[in-house]
Amino acid sequence: MNENTFTYATYSKFLAEHKLMGTRSRADGRIYFPPRPIAPDTRNEDMEWVELSGRGKLVAFTIVYVGTSAMIAAGDDRKNPYCVGVVELAEGPKISAQILSVDVNRPEQIKIGMPLQAKFIERGEGENKKTFVVFEPVN
């Protein structure tokens, strides 16, 4: 794989290897997620891949009762809601992702600022199998 190929396909390959990757500007060291080939503020194209720790903290969340088709296919619906949150990664960027291992029936127990760790899950079968990043509370 060409290390300088900043495409969704390359990012997906990293996810399948259970690596959470962003890009870093060689000019100023800023880290971007999702990964991108050009720094949006400076238009700098001198970027490199960087593996992120997967550590972060919850900055916002919601409980979803009517999900996307993919989430419904995964078994989530009005009777089985799920949590989605915005996670501020230790390296700075924010990511939205499903939050696992929280009690969606008691959202008052889900705390803003709680430490989280990335986890990788697979959904789908055969050629349709994809890897997704989700987060869980750190015990």
C-alpha atoms as a PDB file:
ATOM      1  CA  MET A   1       0.000   0.000   0.000  1.00  0.00           C
ATOM      2  CA  ASN A   2       1.270   3.456  -0.846  1.00  0.00           C
ATOM      3  CA  GLU A   3       1.595   5.240   2.486  1.00  0.00           C
ATOM      4  CA  ASN A   4       0.715   8.566   0.865  1.00  0.00           C
ATOM      5  CA  THR A   5      -2.621   7.430  -0.566  1.00  0.00           C
ATOM      6  CA  PHE A   6      -5.190   9.351   1.467  1.00  0.00           C
ATOM      7  CA  THR A   7      -8.364   7.626   0.295  1.00  0.00           C
ATOM      8  CA  TYR A   8     -11.378   6.058   1.944  1.00  0.00           C
ATOM      9  CA  ALA A   9     -10.165   2.669   0.688  1.00  0.00           C
ATOM     10  CA  THR A  10      -6.813   3.111   2.451  1.00  0.00           C
ATOM     11  CA  TYR A  11      -8.549   4.301   5.634  1.00  0.00           C
ATOM     12  CA  SER A  12     -10.897   1.275   5.484  1.00  0.00           C
ATOM     13  CA  LYS A  13      -7.893  -1.050   5.107  1.00  0.00           C
ATOM     14  CA  PHE A  14      -6.377   0.455   8.270  1.00  0.00           C
ATOM     15  CA  LEU A  15      -9.694  -0.050  10.100  1.00  0.00           C
ATOM     16  CA  ALA A  16      -9.733  -3.707   9.017  1.00  0.00           C
ATOM     17  CA  GLU A  17      -6.266  -3.967  10.630  1.00  0.00           C
ATOM     18  CA  HIS A  18      -7.765  -2.418  13.793  1.00  0.00           C
ATOM     19  CA  LYS A  19      -5.797   0.806  13.422  1.00  0.00           C
ATOM     20  CA  LEU A  20      -7.412   4.195  13.980  1.00  0.00           C
ATOM     21  CA  MET A  21      -5.589   6.470  11.570  1.00  0.00           C
ATOM     22  CA  GLY A  22      -5.641  10.208  11.029  1.00  0.00           C
ATOM     23  CA  THR A  23      -3.424  12.509   9.068  1.00  0.00           C
ATOM     24  CA  ARG A  24      -0.884  14.999  10.371  1.00  0.00           C
ATOM     25  CA  SER A  25       0.353  18.113   8.642  1.00  0.00           C
ATOM     26  CA  ARG A  26       4.123  17.994   8.399  1.00  0.00           C
ATOM     27  CA  ALA A  27       4.128  21.816   8.291  1.00  0.00           C
ATOM     28  CA  ASP A  28       2.485  22.487  11.653  1.00  0.00           C
ATOM     29  CA  GLY A  29       1.871  19.085  13.286  1.00  0.00           C
ATOM     30  CA  ARG A  30      -1.925  19.443  13.404  1.00  0.00           C
ATOM     31  CA  ILE A  31      -3.790  16.144  13.371  1.00  0.00           C
ATOM     32  CA  TYR A  32      -6.958  15.643  11.357  1.00  0.00           C
ATOM     33  CA  PHE A  33      -9.721  13.100  11.620  1.00  0.00           C
ATOM     34  CA  PRO A  34     -11.246  11.950   9.436  1.00  0.00           C
ATOM     35  CA  PRO A  35      -7.991  11.669   7.499  1.00  0.00           C
ATOM     36  CA  ARG A  36      -7.563  14.084   4.614  1.00  0.00           C
ATOM     37  CA  PRO A  37      -4.937  14.768   1.959  1.00  0.00           C
ATOM     38  CA  ILE A  38      -4.957  18.553   2.455  1.00  0.00           C
ATOM     39  CA  ALA A  39      -5.015  20.589   5.678  1.00  0.00           C
ATOM     40  CA  PRO A  40      -8.260  22.581   5.440  1.00  0.00           C
ATOM     41  CA  ASP A  41      -6.978  25.738   7.171  1.00  0.00           C
ATOM     42  CA  THR A  42      -3.638  26.114   5.409  1.00  0.00           C
ATOM     43  CA  ARG A  43      -4.188  24.124   2.193  1.00  0.00           C
ATOM     44  CA  ASN A  44      -0.934  22.336   3.003  1.00  0.00           C
ATOM     45  CA  GLU A  45      -0.589  19.093   1.018  1.00  0.00           C
ATOM     46  CA  ASP A  46       2.439  17.781   2.939  1.00  0.00           C
ATOM     47  CA  MET A  47       0.514  15.268   5.037  1.00  0.00           C
ATOM     48  CA  GLU A  48       1.387  11.948   6.634  1.00  0.00           C
ATOM     49  CA  TRP A  49      -0.579   9.107   8.192  1.00  0.00           C
ATOM     50  CA  VAL A  50      -0.506   8.936  11.982  1.00  0.00           C
ATOM     51  CA  GLU A  51      -1.924   6.185  14.184  1.00  0.00           C
ATOM     52  CA  LEU A  52      -4.181   7.562  16.904  1.00  0.00           C
ATOM     53  CA  SER A  53      -4.288   6.101  20.412  1.00  0.00           C
ATOM     54  CA  GLY A  54      -8.049   5.556  20.442  1.00  0.00           C
ATOM     55  CA  ARG A  55      -8.251   7.198  23.866  1.00  0.00           C
ATOM     56  CA  GLY A  56     -10.694  10.032  24.329  1.00  0.00           C
ATOM     57  CA  LYS A  57     -13.502  11.540  26.342  1.00  0.00           C
ATOM     58  CA  LEU A  58     -17.211  11.895  25.696  1.00  0.00           C
ATOM     59  CA  VAL A  59     -18.233  15.462  24.820  1.00  0.00           C
ATOM     60  CA  ALA A  60     -21.845  14.858  23.652  1.00  0.00           C
ATOM     61  CA  PHE A  61     -24.244  11.945  23.198  1.00  0.00           C
ATOM     62  CA  THR A  62     -27.760  10.937  22.271  1.00  0.00           C
ATOM     63  CA  ILE A  63     -29.826   7.786  22.472  1.00  0.00           C
ATOM     64  CA  VAL A  64     -31.126   6.711  19.056  1.00  0.00           C
ATOM     65  CA  TYR A  65     -34.491   4.958  18.806  1.00  0.00           C
ATOM     66  CA  VAL A  66     -34.972   5.222  15.034  1.00  0.00           C
ATOM     67  CA  GLY A  67     -31.666   4.349  13.423  1.00  0.00           C
ATOM     68  CA  THR A  68     -30.233   4.004   9.966  1.00  0.00           C
ATOM     69  CA  SER A  69     -30.944   0.964   7.811  1.00  0.00           C
ATOM     70  CA  ALA A  70     -27.544  -0.481   8.743  1.00  0.00           C
ATOM     71  CA  MET A  71     -28.235  -0.124  12.467  1.00  0.00           C
ATOM     72  CA  ILE A  72     -31.702  -1.643  12.083  1.00  0.00           C
ATOM     73  CA  ALA A  73     -30.102  -4.573  10.231  1.00  0.00           C
ATOM     74  CA  ALA A  74     -27.704  -4.916  13.191  1.00  0.00           C
ATOM     75  CA  GLY A  75     -30.739  -5.309  15.508  1.00  0.00           C
ATOM     76  CA  ASP A  76     -31.147  -1.759  16.796  1.00  0.00           C
ATOM     77  CA  ASP A  77     -34.640  -0.267  16.793  1.00  0.00           C
ATOM     78  CA  ARG A  78     -37.256   1.353  19.047  1.00  0.00           C
ATOM     79  CA  LYS A  79     -37.135  -1.643  21.384  1.00  0.00           C
ATOM     80  CA  ASN A  80     -33.343  -1.836  21.290  1.00  0.00           C
ATOM     81  CA  PRO A  81     -31.980   1.751  21.156  1.00  0.00           C
ATOM     82  CA  TYR A  82     -28.299   2.582  20.964  1.00  0.00           C
ATOM     83  CA  CYS A  83     -26.011   5.405  22.026  1.00  0.00           C
ATOM     84  CA  VAL A  84     -24.082   7.635  19.636  1.00  0.00           C
ATOM     85  CA  GLY A  85     -21.608  10.181  20.908  1.00  0.00           C
ATOM     86  CA  VAL A  86     -19.001  12.719  19.975  1.00  0.00           C
ATOM     87  CA  VAL A  87     -15.597  11.695  21.330  1.00  0.00           C
ATOM     88  CA  GLU A  88     -12.727  14.133  21.653  1.00  0.00           C
ATOM     89  CA  LEU A  89      -9.633  12.075  20.966  1.00  0.00           C
ATOM     90  CA  ALA A  90      -6.522  12.491  23.124  1.00  0.00           C
ATOM     91  CA  GLU A  91      -4.756  13.856  20.040  1.00  0.00           C
ATOM     92  CA  GLY A  92      -7.388  16.598  19.632  1.00  0.00           C
ATOM     93  CA  PRO A  93      -9.775  15.743  16.775  1.00  0.00           C
ATOM     94  CA  LYS A  94     -13.381  14.802  17.466  1.00  0.00           C
ATOM     95  CA  ILE A  95     -15.131  11.721  16.092  1.00  0.00           C
ATOM     96  CA  SER A  96     -18.758  10.629  16.188  1.00  0.00           C
ATOM     97  CA  ALA A  97     -19.271   6.944  16.870  1.00  0.00           C
ATOM     98  CA  GLN A  98     -21.464   4.418  18.586  1.00  0.00           C
ATOM     99  CA  ILE A  99     -20.827   4.149  22.329  1.00  0.00           C
ATOM    100  CA  LEU A 100     -21.060   0.571  23.606  1.00  0.00           C
ATOM    101  CA  SER A 101     -21.335  -0.816  27.144  1.00  0.00           C
ATOM    102  CA  VAL A 102     -23.507   2.022  28.467  1.00  0.00           C
ATOM    103  CA  ASP A 103     -27.062   1.630  29.789  1.00  0.00           C
ATOM    104  CA  VAL A 104     -29.210   3.382  27.179  1.00  0.00           C
ATOM    105  CA  ASN A 105     -32.229   2.938  29.459  1.00  0.00           C
ATOM    106  CA  ARG A 106     -30.497   5.058  32.121  1.00  0.00           C
ATOM    107  CA  PRO A 107     -28.894   7.916  30.162  1.00  0.00           C
ATOM    108  CA  GLU A 108     -28.357   9.883  33.377  1.00  0.00           C
ATOM    109  CA  GLN A 109     -25.524   7.432  34.090  1.00  0.00           C
ATOM    110  CA  ILE A 110     -23.743   8.353  30.839  1.00  0.00           C
ATOM    111  CA  LYS A 111     -21.452  11.234  31.792  1.00  0.00           C
ATOM    112  CA  ILE A 112     -19.947  13.978  29.661  1.00  0.00           C
ATOM    113  CA  GLY A 113     -16.176  13.824  30.152  1.00  0.00           C
ATOM    114  CA  MET A 114     -16.116  10.077  30.837  1.00  0.00           C
ATOM    115  CA  PRO A 115     -12.969   8.412  29.465  1.00  0.00           C
ATOM    116  CA  LEU A 116     -13.468   6.155  26.459  1.00  0.00           C
ATOM    117  CA  GLN A 117     -11.355   3.752  24.425  1.00  0.00           C
ATOM    118  CA  ALA A 118     -11.797   2.803  20.767  1.00  0.00           C
ATOM    119  CA  LYS A 119     -12.777  -0.723  19.829  1.00  0.00           C
ATOM    120  CA  PHE A 120     -13.221  -2.244  16.376  1.00  0.00           C
ATOM    121  CA  ILE A 121     -16.262  -4.248  15.337  1.00  0.00           C
ATOM    122  CA  GLU A 122     -17.167  -6.010  12.109  1.00  0.00           C
ATOM    123  CA  ARG A 123     -20.604  -5.881  10.533  1.00  0.00           C
ATOM    124  CA  GLY A 124     -21.862  -7.659   7.441  1.00  0.00           C
ATOM    125  CA  GLU A 125     -20.896 -10.872   5.718  1.00  0.00           C
ATOM    126  CA  GLY A 126     -18.424 -11.836   2.998  1.00  0.00           C
ATOM    127  CA  GLU A 127     -17.661  -9.028   0.558  1.00  0.00           C
ATOM    128  CA  ASN A 128     -20.050  -6.741   2.460  1.00  0.00           C
ATOM    129  CA  LYS A 129     -18.125  -7.111   5.717  1.00  0.00           C
ATOM    130  CA  LYS A 130     -16.862  -3.776   7.050  1.00  0.00           C
ATOM    131  CA  THR A 131     -14.939  -2.721  10.129  1.00  0.00           C
ATOM    132  CA  PHE A 132     -16.209   0.175  12.244  1.00  0.00           C
ATOM    133  CA  VAL A 133     -14.709   2.040  15.168  1.00  0.00           C
ATOM    134  CA  VAL A 134     -16.871   2.282  18.295  1.00  0.00           C
ATOM    135  CA  PHE A 135     -16.007   3.407  21.814  1.00  0.00           C
ATOM    136  CA  GLU A 136     -16.442   1.927  25.279  1.00  0.00           C
ATOM    137  CA  PRO A 137     -15.998   3.431  28.738  1.00  0.00           C
ATOM    138  CA  VAL A 138     -12.636   2.851  30.386  1.00  0.00           C
ATOM    139  CA  ASN A 139     -13.070   1.035  33.694  1.00  0.00           C
END
